[in-house]
Protein backbone atom coordinates (compact mmCIF):
# COMPACT_ATOMS: atom_id res chain seq x y z
CA MET A 1 0.02 -0.03 0.03
CA LEU A 2 1.38 3.48 -1.03
CA SER A 3 1.86 5.81 2.04
CA LYS A 4 1.37 9.66 1.50
CA TYR A 5 5.15 10.08 2.35
CA GLU A 6 6.02 8.15 -0.83
CA TRP A 7 3.56 10.12 -3.02
CA GLU A 8 4.53 13.00 -1.73
CA GLU A 9 8.14 12.15 -1.51
CA ASN A 10 8.16 11.81 -5.37
CA ARG A 11 6.05 14.81 -6.01
CA SER A 12 8.34 16.83 -4.98
CA SER A 13 11.42 15.40 -6.25
CA GLU A 14 13.14 16.53 -9.20
CA HIS A 15 14.03 12.99 -10.04
CA ILE A 16 11.66 9.73 -10.54
CA ILE A 17 11.31 7.81 -7.19
CA TYR A 18 10.06 4.22 -7.39
CA CYS A 19 9.33 3.09 -3.91
CA PHE A 20 9.21 -1.16 -3.89
CA ALA A 21 7.12 -2.98 -1.72
CA ASP A 22 10.22 -4.71 0.08
CA GLY A 23 10.52 -1.12 1.13
CA THR A 24 13.73 -0.45 -1.36
CA THR A 25 13.42 2.70 -3.43
CA LYS A 26 15.48 3.68 -6.52
CA VAL A 27 16.08 7.53 -7.54
CA ILE A 28 16.34 7.77 -11.18
CA THR A 29 17.82 11.41 -12.11
CA MET A 30 17.68 12.92 -15.29
CA GLU A 31 21.13 12.72 -16.00
CA ASP A 32 20.79 9.09 -15.25
CA TYR A 33 17.95 8.68 -17.68
CA LEU A 34 19.59 10.57 -20.71
CA ARG A 35 23.02 8.70 -20.08
CA GLU A 36 21.02 5.34 -20.70
CA HIS A 37 18.55 6.73 -23.32
CA PRO A 38 20.40 8.97 -25.28
CA GLU A 39 17.95 9.11 -28.09
CA HIS A 40 15.40 11.20 -25.57
CA THR A 41 15.46 14.49 -24.41
CA ALA A 42 14.85 16.20 -20.93
CA GLU A 43 11.59 16.99 -22.29
CA ASP A 44 10.82 13.26 -22.31
CA PHE A 45 11.92 12.69 -19.10
CA LYS A 46 9.87 15.44 -17.93
CA ARG A 47 6.84 13.93 -19.37
CA ILE A 48 7.68 10.46 -17.87
CA LYS A 49 7.78 12.16 -14.00
CA GLN A 50 4.54 13.74 -14.85
CA LEU A 51 3.29 10.18 -15.80
CA SER A 52 5.07 8.96 -12.69
CA ASP A 53 3.68 11.60 -10.59
CA GLU A 54 -0.06 10.93 -11.59
CA MET A 55 0.12 7.33 -11.37
CA TYR A 56 1.53 7.83 -7.47
CA ARG A 57 -1.44 9.98 -7.04
CA THR A 58 -3.87 7.22 -8.68
CA ASP A 59 -2.32 4.74 -6.37
CA TYR A 60 -2.23 6.39 -3.55
CA HIS A 61 -5.92 7.83 -3.57
CA ALA A 62 -6.78 4.22 -4.75
CA ASP A 63 -4.98 2.86 -1.97
CA GLN A 64 -7.03 5.31 0.47
CA ARG A 65 -10.44 4.30 -1.03
CA TYR A 66 -9.48 0.70 -0.59
CA SER A 67 -8.12 1.23 3.00
CA ASN A 68 -11.41 3.16 3.96
CA TRP A 69 -13.60 0.19 2.14
CA LYS A 70 -11.88 -1.99 4.22
CA ALA A 71 -12.18 -0.33 7.80
CA ASP A 72 -16.24 0.08 6.80
CA GLU A 73 -16.09 -3.57 6.35
CA ASP A 74 -14.08 -4.62 8.96
CA PHE A 75 -16.69 -2.27 11.12
CA ASP A 76 -19.74 -3.84 9.99
CA HIS A 77 -18.27 -7.55 10.65
CA ALA A 78 -17.11 -6.55 14.10
CA ALA A 79 -20.70 -5.04 14.77
CA ALA A 80 -22.62 -7.97 13.57
CA LEU A 81 -20.50 -9.83 16.27
CA LEU A 82 -21.46 -7.52 19.07
CA ALA A 83 -24.28 -8.96 21.36
CA SER A 84 -27.71 -7.17 20.62
CA MET A 85 -28.80 -4.16 23.30
CA GLU A 86 -31.29 -6.76 24.56
CA GLU A 87 -30.80 -7.02 28.49
CA LEU A 88 -30.64 -10.70 29.24
CA PRO A 89 -32.88 -11.87 32.58
CA LEU A 90 -29.73 -12.06 34.82
CA ASP A 91 -28.40 -8.62 34.00
CA ARG A 92 -31.98 -7.02 34.55
CA VAL A 93 -32.48 -8.53 37.78
CA ILE A 94 -28.76 -7.31 38.63
CA ARG A 95 -30.04 -3.62 37.92
CA LEU A 96 -33.08 -3.72 39.68
CA GLU A 97 -31.65 -4.96 42.77
CA HIS A 98 -28.82 -2.33 42.52
CA TRP A 99 -31.67 0.39 41.84
CA ARG A 100 -33.55 -1.12 44.66
CA THR A 101 -30.57 -0.64 47.34
CA ALA A 102 -29.79 2.97 45.62
CA ARG A 103 -33.28 3.83 46.47
CA GLN A 104 -33.05 2.85 50.17
CA ALA A 105 -29.96 4.45 50.92
CA ALA A 106 -31.41 7.56 49.67
CA HIS A 107 -34.62 7.29 51.37
CA GLN A 108 -32.38 6.56 54.97
CA LEU A 109 -30.40 9.55 53.99
CA LEU A 110 -33.22 11.97 53.69
CA ARG A 111 -35.07 10.37 56.63
CA SER A 112 -31.86 10.45 58.80
CA GLY A 113 -32.02 14.35 59.91
CA ARG A 114 -28.35 14.53 58.62
CA LEU A 115 -28.57 16.90 56.11
CA THR A 116 -29.11 20.35 55.98
CA PRO A 117 -31.89 21.92 53.90
CA VAL A 118 -29.85 23.25 51.26
CA GLN A 119 -28.01 19.69 51.09
CA ARG A 120 -31.46 18.32 51.12
CA ARG A 121 -32.72 20.34 48.31
CA ARG A 122 -29.42 19.56 45.97
CA PHE A 123 -29.72 15.85 47.04
CA ILE A 124 -33.60 15.67 45.38
CA ALA A 125 -32.54 17.71 42.79
CA TYR A 126 -29.52 15.66 41.62
CA PHE A 127 -30.61 12.10 42.64
CA ILE A 128 -33.90 11.85 42.32
CA HIS A 129 -34.83 14.66 39.61
CA GLY A 130 -31.73 13.98 37.45
CA LYS A 131 -30.82 17.57 37.03
CA SER A 132 -27.66 18.47 36.29
CA ILE A 133 -24.78 20.27 38.47
CA ALA A 134 -25.11 23.22 35.87
CA GLU A 135 -28.63 22.97 36.22
CA ILE A 136 -28.68 23.13 39.71
CA THR A 137 -26.36 26.07 40.01
CA GLN A 138 -28.19 28.02 37.76
CA ILE A 139 -31.41 27.53 39.63
CA GLU A 140 -29.45 28.19 42.73
CA GLY A 141 -27.76 31.22 41.59
CA ILE A 142 -23.86 29.59 43.18
CA ARG A 143 -20.70 28.94 41.88
CA LYS A 144 -20.53 25.55 39.64
CA GLN A 145 -17.50 24.66 42.13
CA SER A 146 -19.77 24.79 45.46
CA THR A 147 -22.42 22.79 43.54
CA SER A 148 -19.92 20.12 42.83
CA LYS A 149 -18.11 20.06 46.15
CA CYS A 150 -21.72 19.29 47.44
CA ILE A 151 -22.92 17.02 45.43
CA LEU A 152 -19.71 15.08 45.87
CA ARG A 153 -20.16 15.11 49.52
CA LEU A 154 -23.44 14.00 49.42
CA THR A 155 -22.54 11.00 47.13
CA GLU A 156 -19.87 9.72 49.97
CA ARG A 157 -22.44 10.12 52.39
CA LEU A 158 -25.05 8.19 50.35
CA ARG A 159 -22.39 5.30 49.96
CA GLN A 160 -22.37 5.25 53.66
CA PHE A 161 -25.97 4.24 53.32
CA ALA A 162 -25.63 1.66 50.92
């Protein structure tokens, strides 16, 4: 597969550069070409150089298209192997058990009397109503950092009850 480096190197050079599959290169200068082909002119070499550049460009773009097609094909194959998004019965039971445990912990924390009115309000907004830290910050008119610290502390307290 032709790399962009090889295409750029050939295009920006005054010489014709051949890059072989084994990684070797061969550089043909105008002088070398005219020495081996005295019947040709510098114009002939320039036309061959233009053709060489065009071939490199065509090969490079063909390789890129193949590479993109191959990546799409590989992705499609991998996507087909992925499990469906259907939840397995055991996963559902585990998720429901986690949800039940989290609800019990939240209920205990709210009933414990350990939260200030501000903490209680933010706890309910974040954990029960699902508001983001940015939304709570905007509603209460405070700094985002204050809300983040409060939610972090509430999360730690919630873990104590879980």
